[in-house]
């Protein structure tokens, strides 16, 4: 089974650049309507323009009207969460919570990406 986590974004180019800097990798696919970054074996992060998903969901609320509202959290376990968090901030994210030990046993940092999604970078203590 392969897993694709897809975030709806206002500006595909801007979001592609944000996640390329933050993740430190180039997308494996970058075509109009979809950018995809490999996260691990069988798992990828997709970026789809809000306008594209609106056509598939005509009877649901318009995703463009949710801009700035946190709509998803992307919790990634990485070897160096401080590095990933710093890259996210350098790429334009707003810090929500610095790297600290959490009650569930991870050290994690949280930020807000340009589309209102919450990338979190963590590692077990």
Protein backbone atom coordinates (compact mmCIF):
# COMPACT_ATOMS: atom_id res chain seq x y z
CA UNK A 1 0.00 0.00 0.00
CA UNK A 2 1.23 3.49 -0.84
CA UNK A 3 0.09 6.57 1.04
CA UNK A 4 -0.27 10.07 -0.38
CA UNK A 5 -0.99 12.89 2.04
CA UNK A 6 -2.38 15.78 -0.01
CA UNK A 7 -2.56 19.37 1.19
CA UNK A 8 -4.74 21.88 -0.64
CA UNK A 9 -2.70 25.01 -1.35
CA UNK A 10 -3.44 28.45 -2.70
CA UNK A 11 -0.27 28.80 -4.79
CA UNK A 12 1.33 25.54 -5.92
CA UNK A 13 4.66 27.21 -6.84
CA UNK A 14 4.97 29.02 -3.51
CA UNK A 15 4.08 25.88 -1.56
CA UNK A 16 6.49 23.77 -3.66
CA UNK A 17 9.33 26.16 -2.80
CA UNK A 18 8.34 26.20 0.90
CA UNK A 19 8.33 22.41 1.20
CA UNK A 20 11.46 21.94 -0.94
CA UNK A 21 13.37 24.22 1.44
CA UNK A 22 11.74 22.81 4.58
CA UNK A 23 12.16 19.13 3.67
CA UNK A 24 15.54 19.66 2.02
CA UNK A 25 14.54 17.64 -1.05
CA UNK A 26 13.23 18.22 -4.55
CA UNK A 27 9.78 17.01 -5.56
CA UNK A 28 9.60 13.69 -7.39
CA UNK A 29 6.66 15.02 -9.42
CA UNK A 30 5.88 18.62 -10.30
CA UNK A 31 3.18 19.15 -12.90
CA UNK A 32 0.27 21.58 -13.11
CA UNK A 33 -2.20 20.42 -10.48
CA UNK A 34 0.15 18.29 -8.34
CA UNK A 35 3.54 18.46 -6.69
CA UNK A 36 4.69 15.37 -4.77
CA UNK A 37 7.57 14.94 -2.33
CA UNK A 38 8.74 11.49 -1.22
CA UNK A 39 8.63 11.26 2.58
CA UNK A 40 9.52 7.61 3.09
CA UNK A 41 9.13 4.31 1.28
CA UNK A 42 5.53 4.23 0.07
CA UNK A 43 4.57 7.63 1.56
CA UNK A 44 4.51 11.01 -0.18
CA UNK A 45 3.33 14.56 0.46
CA UNK A 46 1.22 16.02 -2.33
CA UNK A 47 0.39 19.68 -2.92
CA UNK A 48 -2.79 20.31 -4.92
CA UNK A 49 -4.12 23.75 -5.83
CA UNK A 50 -7.37 24.60 -4.06
CA UNK A 51 -8.97 25.37 -7.41
CA UNK A 52 -8.25 21.81 -8.57
CA UNK A 53 -9.95 20.10 -5.65
CA UNK A 54 -12.93 22.45 -5.84
CA UNK A 55 -13.92 20.80 -9.14
CA UNK A 56 -13.96 17.38 -7.44
CA UNK A 57 -16.00 18.58 -4.45
CA UNK A 58 -18.68 20.84 -5.93
CA UNK A 59 -21.19 20.31 -3.09
CA UNK A 60 -18.73 20.88 -0.23
CA UNK A 61 -17.41 24.15 1.23
CA UNK A 62 -14.95 25.98 -0.99
CA UNK A 63 -11.37 25.24 0.21
CA UNK A 64 -10.29 28.73 -0.88
CA UNK A 65 -12.51 30.22 1.83
CA UNK A 66 -10.51 28.37 4.48
CA UNK A 67 -7.26 30.22 3.80
CA UNK A 68 -5.28 30.83 6.98
CA UNK A 69 -7.44 28.44 9.01
CA UNK A 70 -5.37 25.48 10.22
CA UNK A 71 -6.78 22.61 8.17
CA UNK A 72 -4.26 19.83 8.73
CA UNK A 73 -1.23 18.87 10.79
CA UNK A 74 1.68 17.13 9.12
CA UNK A 75 3.54 15.39 11.97
CA UNK A 76 6.87 14.11 10.68
CA UNK A 77 9.37 12.09 12.70
CA UNK A 78 12.80 13.18 11.49
CA UNK A 79 16.40 12.71 12.67
CA UNK A 80 16.93 16.42 13.47
CA UNK A 81 13.66 18.26 14.19
CA UNK A 82 15.49 21.49 15.07
CA UNK A 83 16.99 21.60 11.56
CA UNK A 84 13.65 20.98 9.82
CA UNK A 85 11.89 23.52 12.03
CA UNK A 86 14.59 26.13 11.35
CA UNK A 87 14.29 25.54 7.60
CA UNK A 88 10.50 25.94 7.80
CA UNK A 89 10.89 29.26 9.61
CA UNK A 90 13.53 30.40 7.09
CA UNK A 91 11.13 29.48 4.26
CA UNK A 92 8.38 31.69 5.70
CA UNK A 93 6.55 29.62 8.32
CA UNK A 94 5.36 31.21 11.54
CA UNK A 95 6.49 29.50 14.71
CA UNK A 96 3.67 28.10 16.82
CA UNK A 97 5.76 26.25 19.40
CA UNK A 98 9.53 25.79 19.67
CA UNK A 99 11.24 22.44 19.96
CA UNK A 100 10.53 20.96 23.36
CA UNK A 101 9.85 17.63 25.01
CA UNK A 102 6.16 16.73 24.82
CA UNK A 103 4.15 14.62 27.26
CA UNK A 104 3.88 11.75 24.76
CA UNK A 105 7.64 11.25 24.65
CA UNK A 106 8.70 13.19 21.54
CA UNK A 107 10.69 16.37 21.17
CA UNK A 108 8.61 18.34 18.69
CA UNK A 109 8.37 21.81 17.17
CA UNK A 110 5.32 23.28 15.43
CA UNK A 111 4.91 25.99 12.81
CA UNK A 112 2.27 27.34 10.43
CA UNK A 113 2.95 27.10 6.68
CA UNK A 114 1.82 29.79 4.20
CA UNK A 115 -1.49 27.96 3.62
CA UNK A 116 -2.38 27.49 7.28
CA UNK A 117 -1.26 23.86 7.60
CA UNK A 118 0.73 22.89 10.69
CA UNK A 119 4.01 21.09 9.98
CA UNK A 120 5.44 19.50 13.12
CA UNK A 121 8.89 17.97 13.27
CA UNK A 122 9.65 15.46 15.98
CA UNK A 123 11.85 12.66 17.21
CA UNK A 124 11.41 10.28 20.13
CA UNK A 125 13.25 11.28 23.30
